[in-house]
C-alpha atoms as a PDB file:
ATOM      1  CA  MET A   1       0.000   0.000   0.000  1.00  0.00           C
ATOM      2  CA  SER A   2       1.108   3.571  -0.582  1.00  0.00           C
ATOM      3  CA  SER A   3       2.313   5.482   2.431  1.00  0.00           C
ATOM      4  CA  GLY A   4      -0.320   8.054   1.535  1.00  0.00           C
ATOM      5  CA  ARG A   5       1.371  11.180   0.285  1.00  0.00           C
ATOM      6  CA  THR A   6       0.554  13.609  -2.490  1.00  0.00           C
ATOM      7  CA  LEU A   7       2.906  14.582  -5.299  1.00  0.00           C
ATOM      8  CA  VAL A   8       2.150  18.034  -6.708  1.00  0.00           C
ATOM      9  CA  VAL A   9       3.555  18.706 -10.173  1.00  0.00           C
ATOM     10  CA  THR A  10       3.918  22.220 -11.587  1.00  0.00           C
ATOM     11  CA  ALA A  11       5.512  23.573 -14.728  1.00  0.00           C
ATOM     12  CA  VAL A  12       7.687  26.349 -13.308  1.00  0.00           C
ATOM     13  CA  PRO A  13       9.328  27.157  -9.964  1.00  0.00           C
ATOM     14  CA  ALA A  14       7.022  30.132  -9.280  1.00  0.00           C
ATOM     15  CA  GLU A  15       4.035  27.767  -9.259  1.00  0.00           C
ATOM     16  CA  ARG A  16       5.920  25.211  -7.156  1.00  0.00           C
ATOM     17  CA  ASP A  17       6.797  27.899  -4.626  1.00  0.00           C
ATOM     18  CA  ALA A  18       3.194  29.130  -4.455  1.00  0.00           C
ATOM     19  CA  VAL A  19       2.021  25.606  -3.654  1.00  0.00           C
ATOM     20  CA  THR A  20       4.800  25.076  -1.113  1.00  0.00           C
ATOM     21  CA  LEU A  21       3.943  28.366   0.608  1.00  0.00           C
ATOM     22  CA  ALA A  22       0.520  26.974   1.503  1.00  0.00           C
ATOM     23  CA  THR A  23       2.086  24.492   3.954  1.00  0.00           C
ATOM     24  CA  GLY A  24       3.505  27.287   6.104  1.00  0.00           C
ATOM     25  CA  ALA A  25       6.787  25.389   6.404  1.00  0.00           C
ATOM     26  CA  PRO A  26      10.071  25.773   4.515  1.00  0.00           C
ATOM     27  CA  PRO A  27      10.659  23.065   1.905  1.00  0.00           C
ATOM     28  CA  ASP A  28      13.191  20.272   2.266  1.00  0.00           C
ATOM     29  CA  PRO A  29      14.864  20.167  -1.192  1.00  0.00           C
ATOM     30  CA  PHE A  30      15.981  16.838  -2.609  1.00  0.00           C
ATOM     31  CA  THR A  31      17.840  16.553  -5.921  1.00  0.00           C
ATOM     32  CA  LEU A  32      16.498  13.993  -8.394  1.00  0.00           C
ATOM     33  CA  PRO A  33      17.833  12.708 -11.725  1.00  0.00           C
ATOM     34  CA  ALA A  34      17.508  14.949 -14.778  1.00  0.00           C
ATOM     35  CA  GLY A  35      18.114  18.086 -12.722  1.00  0.00           C
ATOM     36  CA  LEU A  36      14.751  18.005 -10.932  1.00  0.00           C
ATOM     37  CA  THR A  37      14.458  19.262  -7.352  1.00  0.00           C
ATOM     38  CA  LEU A  38      11.734  17.778  -5.186  1.00  0.00           C
ATOM     39  CA  HIS A  39      10.502  20.083  -2.439  1.00  0.00           C
ATOM     40  CA  ARG A  40       9.449  17.763   0.360  1.00  0.00           C
ATOM     41  CA  GLY A  41       6.922  19.205   2.777  1.00  0.00           C
ATOM     42  CA  PRO A  42       4.689  18.187   5.681  1.00  0.00           C
ATOM     43  CA  ALA A  43       1.545  17.863   3.574  1.00  0.00           C
ATOM     44  CA  TRP A  44       2.832  17.075   0.086  1.00  0.00           C
ATOM     45  CA  ASP A  45       5.912  16.985  -2.112  1.00  0.00           C
ATOM     46  CA  THR A  46       6.172  19.465  -4.988  1.00  0.00           C
ATOM     47  CA  VAL A  47       8.266  19.443  -8.143  1.00  0.00           C
ATOM     48  CA  ALA A  48       8.577  21.807 -11.119  1.00  0.00           C
ATOM     49  CA  VAL A  49       9.132  19.725 -14.248  1.00  0.00           C
ATOM     50  CA  GLY A  50       9.034  22.201 -17.144  1.00  0.00           C
ATOM     51  CA  VAL A  51       6.432  23.490 -19.562  1.00  0.00           C
ATOM     52  CA  GLY A  52       4.299  21.295 -21.809  1.00  0.00           C
ATOM     53  CA  PRO A  53       2.807  17.811 -21.764  1.00  0.00           C
ATOM     54  CA  ALA A  54       6.015  15.970 -22.697  1.00  0.00           C
ATOM     55  CA  ALA A  55       8.087  17.580 -19.938  1.00  0.00           C
ATOM     56  CA  ALA A  56       5.224  17.015 -17.510  1.00  0.00           C
ATOM     57  CA  ALA A  57       4.950  13.310 -18.338  1.00  0.00           C
ATOM     58  CA  ALA A  58       8.716  12.747 -18.228  1.00  0.00           C
ATOM     59  CA  GLY A  59       9.236  14.658 -14.984  1.00  0.00           C
ATOM     60  CA  THR A  60       6.295  13.051 -13.208  1.00  0.00           C
ATOM     61  CA  ALA A  61       7.380   9.584 -14.324  1.00  0.00           C
ATOM     62  CA  THR A  62      10.911  10.266 -13.062  1.00  0.00           C
ATOM     63  CA  VAL A  63       9.715  11.175  -9.562  1.00  0.00           C
ATOM     64  CA  LEU A  64       7.348   8.218  -9.384  1.00  0.00           C
ATOM     65  CA  ALA A  65      10.075   5.813 -10.521  1.00  0.00           C
ATOM     66  CA  VAL A  66      12.589   7.133  -7.969  1.00  0.00           C
ATOM     67  CA  ALA A  67      10.068   6.917  -5.093  1.00  0.00           C
ATOM     68  CA  PRO A  68       7.825   3.902  -5.804  1.00  0.00           C
ATOM     69  CA  GLY A  69       5.012   3.456  -3.309  1.00  0.00           C
ATOM     70  CA  ARG A  70       5.506   6.889  -1.720  1.00  0.00           C
ATOM     71  CA  TYR A  71       2.424   8.484  -3.286  1.00  0.00           C
ATOM     72  CA  ASP A  72      -1.231   7.650  -3.717  1.00  0.00           C
ATOM     73  CA  LEU A  73      -2.267  10.904  -5.432  1.00  0.00           C
ATOM     74  CA  VAL A  74      -0.657  13.074  -8.103  1.00  0.00           C
ATOM     75  CA  VAL A  75      -1.884  16.644  -8.591  1.00  0.00           C
ATOM     76  CA  ALA A  76      -1.158  18.784 -11.647  1.00  0.00           C
ATOM     77  CA  ALA A  77      -1.159  22.388 -10.446  1.00  0.00           C
ATOM     78  CA  GLY A  78      -0.445  25.911 -11.578  1.00  0.00           C
ATOM     79  CA  ILE A  79      -1.969  28.897 -13.278  1.00  0.00           C
ATOM     80  CA  ALA A  80      -4.062  28.681 -16.424  1.00  0.00           C
ATOM     81  CA  GLY A  81      -6.241  30.452 -18.933  1.00  0.00           C
ATOM     82  CA  GLY A  82      -9.951  30.440 -18.181  1.00  0.00           C
ATOM     83  CA  PHE A  83     -12.786  29.877 -20.659  1.00  0.00           C
ATOM     84  CA  ALA A  84     -15.386  32.621 -20.296  1.00  0.00           C
ATOM     85  CA  PRO A  85     -18.012  32.535 -18.950  1.00  0.00           C
ATOM     86  CA  VAL A  86     -17.216  29.273 -17.137  1.00  0.00           C
ATOM     87  CA  ALA A  87     -14.116  30.488 -15.282  1.00  0.00           C
ATOM     88  CA  ALA A  88     -13.070  34.114 -14.796  1.00  0.00           C
ATOM     89  CA  VAL A  89      -9.707  35.638 -13.961  1.00  0.00           C
ATOM     90  CA  GLY A  90      -8.996  34.935 -10.296  1.00  0.00           C
ATOM     91  CA  ASP A  91     -11.126  31.789 -10.128  1.00  0.00           C
ATOM     92  CA  ALA A  92      -9.807  28.444  -8.978  1.00  0.00           C
ATOM     93  CA  VAL A  93     -10.577  25.467 -11.206  1.00  0.00           C
ATOM     94  CA  VAL A  94     -10.613  21.765 -10.350  1.00  0.00           C
ATOM     95  CA  GLY A  95     -10.534  19.461 -13.348  1.00  0.00           C
ATOM     96  CA  SER A  96     -13.401  17.037 -13.771  1.00  0.00           C
ATOM     97  CA  ALA A  97     -11.319  15.646 -16.652  1.00  0.00           C
ATOM     98  CA  LEU A  98      -7.768  16.205 -17.880  1.00  0.00           C
ATOM     99  CA  VAL A  99      -8.102  16.336 -21.648  1.00  0.00           C
ATOM    100  CA  ALA A 100      -5.485  16.305 -24.414  1.00  0.00           C
ATOM    101  CA  ALA A 101      -7.229  18.928 -26.525  1.00  0.00           C
ATOM    102  CA  ASP A 102      -4.859  19.321 -29.483  1.00  0.00           C
ATOM    103  CA  LEU A 103      -3.299  15.861 -29.698  1.00  0.00           C
ATOM    104  CA  GLY A 104      -4.564  14.275 -32.896  1.00  0.00           C
ATOM    105  CA  ALA A 105      -4.880  15.121 -36.570  1.00  0.00           C
ATOM    106  CA  GLU A 106      -6.614  17.570 -38.867  1.00  0.00           C
ATOM    107  CA  GLY A 107      -9.078  16.079 -41.332  1.00  0.00           C
ATOM    108  CA  PRO A 108     -11.364  17.404 -44.052  1.00  0.00           C
ATOM    109  CA  ASP A 109     -14.186  17.705 -41.521  1.00  0.00           C
ATOM    110  CA  GLY A 110     -12.068  19.191 -38.731  1.00  0.00           C
ATOM    111  CA  PHE A 111      -9.998  17.955 -35.817  1.00  0.00           C
ATOM    112  CA  ILE A 112      -9.745  14.229 -35.021  1.00  0.00           C
ATOM    113  CA  ASP A 113      -8.571  13.481 -31.504  1.00  0.00           C
ATOM    114  CA  LEU A 114      -6.218  10.729 -30.379  1.00  0.00           C
ATOM    115  CA  ALA A 115      -8.968   8.390 -29.217  1.00  0.00           C
ATOM    116  CA  GLU A 116     -10.867   8.706 -32.505  1.00  0.00           C
ATOM    117  CA  LEU A 117      -7.655   7.845 -34.323  1.00  0.00           C
ATOM    118  CA  GLY A 118      -7.327   4.742 -32.173  1.00  0.00           C
ATOM    119  CA  PHE A 119      -3.933   5.738 -30.781  1.00  0.00           C
ATOM    120  CA  GLY A 120      -4.528   6.273 -27.081  1.00  0.00           C
ATOM    121  CA  GLN A 121      -6.450   7.879 -24.269  1.00  0.00           C
ATOM    122  CA  VAL A 122      -7.484  11.473 -24.749  1.00  0.00           C
ATOM    123  CA  SER A 123      -8.922  12.051 -21.275  1.00  0.00           C
ATOM    124  CA  HIS A 124      -8.112  11.067 -17.690  1.00  0.00           C
ATOM    125  CA  ARG A 125     -10.601  11.543 -14.877  1.00  0.00           C
ATOM    126  CA  PRO A 126      -9.903  12.074 -11.188  1.00  0.00           C
ATOM    127  CA  PRO A 127     -11.962  10.263  -8.551  1.00  0.00           C
ATOM    128  CA  ALA A 128     -15.276  12.093  -8.797  1.00  0.00           C
ATOM    129  CA  VAL A 129     -15.766  12.307  -5.028  1.00  0.00           C
ATOM    130  CA  LEU A 130     -12.293  13.794  -4.579  1.00  0.00           C
ATOM    131  CA  ALA A 131     -12.692  16.353  -7.358  1.00  0.00           C
ATOM    132  CA  GLN A 132     -16.041  17.536  -5.999  1.00  0.00           C
ATOM    133  CA  ALA A 133     -14.763  17.719  -2.428  1.00  0.00           C
ATOM    134  CA  VAL A 134     -11.710  19.758  -3.430  1.00  0.00           C
ATOM    135  CA  ALA A 135     -13.847  22.067  -5.559  1.00  0.00           C
ATOM    136  CA  ASP A 136     -16.179  22.613  -2.617  1.00  0.00           C
ATOM    137  CA  ALA A 137     -13.313  23.213  -0.193  1.00  0.00           C
ATOM    138  CA  THR A 138     -11.605  25.758  -2.444  1.00  0.00           C
ATOM    139  CA  GLY A 139     -14.685  27.413  -3.930  1.00  0.00           C
ATOM    140  CA  ALA A 140     -13.468  26.312  -7.339  1.00  0.00           C
ATOM    141  CA  VAL A 141     -15.214  25.826 -10.639  1.00  0.00           C
ATOM    142  CA  LEU A 142     -15.444  22.113 -11.468  1.00  0.00           C
ATOM    143  CA  GLY A 143     -15.007  21.386 -15.160  1.00  0.00           C
ATOM    144  CA  PRO A 144     -12.717  19.903 -17.803  1.00  0.00           C
ATOM    145  CA  VAL A 145      -9.207  21.327 -17.988  1.00  0.00           C
ATOM    146  CA  LEU A 146      -7.755  21.171 -21.493  1.00  0.00           C
ATOM    147  CA  THR A 147      -4.096  20.342 -22.027  1.00  0.00           C
ATOM    148  CA  VAL A 148      -2.552  21.952 -25.112  1.00  0.00           C
ATOM    149  CA  ALA A 149       0.931  21.941 -26.572  1.00  0.00           C
ATOM    150  CA  THR A 150       0.323  25.357 -28.147  1.00  0.00           C
ATOM    151  CA  ALA A 151      -1.361  27.963 -25.965  1.00  0.00           C
ATOM    152  CA  THR A 152      -4.407  29.614 -27.492  1.00  0.00           C
ATOM    153  CA  GLY A 153      -3.846  33.136 -28.780  1.00  0.00           C
ATOM    154  CA  THR A 154      -6.901  33.892 -30.921  1.00  0.00           C
ATOM    155  CA  ALA A 155     -10.641  34.163 -30.410  1.00  0.00           C
ATOM    156  CA  GLU A 156     -11.192  31.667 -33.225  1.00  0.00           C
ATOM    157  CA  ARG A 157      -9.186  28.921 -31.588  1.00  0.00           C
ATOM    158  CA  ALA A 158     -10.752  29.607 -28.197  1.00  0.00           C
ATOM    159  CA  ALA A 159     -14.194  29.218 -29.747  1.00  0.00           C
ATOM    160  CA  ALA A 160     -13.189  26.019 -31.540  1.00  0.00           C
ATOM    161  CA  LEU A 161     -11.866  24.440 -28.344  1.00  0.00           C
ATOM    162  CA  ALA A 162     -14.947  25.467 -26.372  1.00  0.00           C
ATOM    163  CA  ALA A 163     -17.180  23.976 -29.064  1.00  0.00           C
ATOM    164  CA  ARG A 164     -15.252  20.683 -29.098  1.00  0.00           C
ATOM    165  CA  HIS A 165     -15.219  20.480 -25.306  1.00  0.00           C
ATOM    166  CA  PRO A 166     -18.500  21.802 -23.890  1.00  0.00           C
ATOM    167  CA  GLY A 167     -18.134  23.143 -20.376  1.00  0.00           C
ATOM    168  CA  ALA A 168     -14.343  23.431 -20.577  1.00  0.00           C
ATOM    169  CA  ALA A 169     -13.183  25.574 -17.678  1.00  0.00           C
ATOM    170  CA  ALA A 170      -9.481  26.140 -18.263  1.00  0.00           C
ATOM    171  CA  GLU A 171      -6.551  25.630 -20.602  1.00  0.00           C
ATOM    172  CA  ALA A 172      -3.051  24.698 -19.456  1.00  0.00           C
ATOM    173  CA  MET A 173      -0.126  22.732 -20.846  1.00  0.00           C
ATOM    174  CA  GLU A 174       0.718  19.899 -18.427  1.00  0.00           C
ATOM    175  CA  GLY A 175      -2.318  18.112 -16.980  1.00  0.00           C
ATOM    176  CA  HIS A 176      -2.694  15.282 -19.472  1.00  0.00           C
ATOM    177  CA  GLY A 177       1.043  14.585 -19.341  1.00  0.00           C
ATOM    178  CA  VAL A 178       0.968  14.364 -15.549  1.00  0.00           C
ATOM    179  CA  ALA A 179      -2.108  12.147 -15.720  1.00  0.00           C
ATOM    180  CA  THR A 180      -0.525   9.802 -18.251  1.00  0.00           C
ATOM    181  CA  ALA A 181       2.435   9.205 -15.935  1.00  0.00           C
ATOM    182  CA  ALA A 182       0.173   8.765 -12.908  1.00  0.00           C
ATOM    183  CA  ALA A 183      -1.998   6.274 -14.787  1.00  0.00           C
ATOM    184  CA  ALA A 184       1.064   4.220 -15.700  1.00  0.00           C
ATOM    185  CA  HIS A 185       1.702   3.865 -11.958  1.00  0.00           C
ATOM    186  CA  ARG A 186      -2.007   3.226 -11.241  1.00  0.00           C
ATOM    187  CA  LEU A 187      -2.306   6.342  -9.138  1.00  0.00           C
ATOM    188  CA  ALA A 188      -5.192   8.773  -8.781  1.00  0.00           C
ATOM    189  CA  VAL A 189      -4.754  12.156 -10.434  1.00  0.00           C
ATOM    190  CA  LEU A 190      -6.253  15.605  -9.911  1.00  0.00           C
ATOM    191  CA  GLU A 191      -5.750  18.998 -11.522  1.00  0.00           C
ATOM    192  CA  VAL A 192      -5.989  22.302  -9.620  1.00  0.00           C
ATOM    193  CA  ARG A 193      -5.531  25.588 -11.474  1.00  0.00           C
ATOM    194  CA  THR A 194      -6.065  29.275 -10.842  1.00  0.00           C
ATOM    195  CA  VAL A 195      -6.959  31.580 -13.715  1.00  0.00           C
ATOM    196  CA  SER A 196      -4.511  34.322 -14.675  1.00  0.00           C
ATOM    197  CA  ASN A 197      -6.038  35.316 -18.028  1.00  0.00           C
ATOM    198  CA  PRO A 198      -8.938  34.577 -20.362  1.00  0.00           C
ATOM    199  CA  VAL A 199      -8.434  32.012 -23.110  1.00  0.00           C
ATOM    200  CA  GLY A 200      -8.451  33.991 -26.342  1.00  0.00           C
ATOM    201  CA  PRO A 201      -6.468  36.776 -27.998  1.00  0.00           C
ATOM    202  CA  ARG A 202      -2.975  36.968 -26.533  1.00  0.00           C
ATOM    203  CA  ASP A 203      -2.764  40.105 -24.404  1.00  0.00           C
ATOM    204  CA  ARG A 204       0.059  40.021 -21.872  1.00  0.00           C
ATOM    205  CA  ALA A 205      -1.099  43.305 -20.352  1.00  0.00           C
ATOM    206  CA  ALA A 206      -4.276  41.561 -19.221  1.00  0.00           C
ATOM    207  CA  TRP A 207      -2.494  38.704 -17.457  1.00  0.00           C
ATOM    208  CA  ARG A 208      -2.795  38.663 -13.671  1.00  0.00           C
ATOM    209  CA  ILE A 209      -0.018  36.230 -12.805  1.00  0.00           C
ATOM    210  CA  PRO A 210       0.887  37.423  -9.263  1.00  0.00           C
ATOM    211  CA  ALA A 211      -2.786  37.373  -8.264  1.00  0.00           C
ATOM    212  CA  ALA A 212      -3.231  33.906  -9.757  1.00  0.00           C
ATOM    213  CA  LEU A 213      -0.202  32.616  -7.841  1.00  0.00           C
ATOM    214  CA  ARG A 214      -1.632  34.023  -4.600  1.00  0.00           C
ATOM    215  CA  ALA A 215      -4.928  32.301  -5.404  1.00  0.00           C
ATOM    216  CA  LEU A 216      -3.014  29.065  -5.968  1.00  0.00           C
ATOM    217  CA  THR A 217      -1.516  29.321  -2.487  1.00  0.00           C
ATOM    218  CA  ASP A 218      -4.987  29.957  -1.052  1.00  0.00           C
ATOM    219  CA  ALA A 219      -6.442  26.957  -2.876  1.00  0.00           C
ATOM    220  CA  PHE A 220      -3.794  24.591  -1.551  1.00  0.00           C
ATOM    221  CA  ALA A 221      -4.153  26.008   1.946  1.00  0.00           C
ATOM    222  CA  ALA A 222      -7.842  25.018   1.808  1.00  0.00           C
ATOM    223  CA  LEU A 223      -7.804  21.611   0.123  1.00  0.00           C
ATOM    224  CA  GLY A 224      -5.925  19.512   2.696  1.00  0.00           C
ATOM    225  CA  PRO A 225      -8.889  18.197   4.732  1.00  0.00           C
ATOM    226  CA  ALA A 226     -10.772  17.178   1.580  1.00  0.00           C
ATOM    227  CA  VAL A 227      -7.788  15.205   0.323  1.00  0.00           C
ATOM    228  CA  GLU A 228      -7.239  13.504   3.673  1.00  0.00           C
ATOM    229  CA  THR A 229     -10.919  12.508   3.919  1.00  0.00           C
ATOM    230  CA  TRP A 230     -10.743  10.973   0.444  1.00  0.00           C
ATOM    231  CA  ARG A 231      -7.419   9.258   1.281  1.00  0.00           C
ATOM    232  CA  LYS A 232      -8.784   7.633   4.424  1.00  0.00           C
ATOM    233  CA  LYS A 233     -11.817   6.269   2.621  1.00  0.00           C
ATOM    234  CA  HIS A 234      -9.718   5.188  -0.375  1.00  0.00           C
ATOM    235  CA  HIS A 235      -7.345   3.191   1.830  1.00  0.00           C
ATOM    236  CA  GLU A 236     -10.193   1.678   3.842  1.00  0.00           C
ATOM    237  CA  GLU A 237     -11.829   0.445   0.649  1.00  0.00           C
ATOM    238  CA  ALA A 238      -8.491  -0.941  -0.576  1.00  0.00           C
ATOM    239  CA  ASP A 239      -8.080  -2.872   2.684  1.00  0.00           C
ATOM    240  CA  THR A 240     -11.566  -4.391   2.532  1.00  0.00           C
ATOM    241  CA  PRO A 241     -11.407  -8.065   1.447  1.00  0.00           C
END
């Protein structure tokens, strides 16, 4: 059985530090292969693995391989773009699904996703009870979080993604990669994001990154009891003959 810890995976150190700040304790850094630094904390361990789904999958898999059995939950975390009107700037978002939104092929009738092509899994889902409990605890929007390799920068692409994925709440670049690595280790996955900008035309002046990082700290400060309640029940069910 897992010892019952959470691994939080972010893209960049600023996100990692915002998550770590929520514990109220200084991190205990531990150097891993490939130049990764794991920040071990009292409530969870946090690692920044780089931007994009490939870096996210590789970095997450590296940590899980180095520390087998240490974790029972992997959380993709950081800031994100929000799909209006589902999620506004400043909102927290908990993923009801972690979706590879631009992994596939273009066809004469439009985009064909990976699952339709028969080449793999396009979506990973967290335990529904856990996702709802964390959303309730943090006051977050609960909805699909889209993983993209190319961030959206036009209104046309934002509209196309929203049409293909009704109810999509946020767009980021790592969730599906993190989830793919977690699934390979048969671990539960969750995604927690805070919105720094709307998905749409690229306008750096409208980004609210410091505020989104503060919101990320607040979200992680609030989610601990919900995760521990889920963990206790999860382990009890696993121990039942």
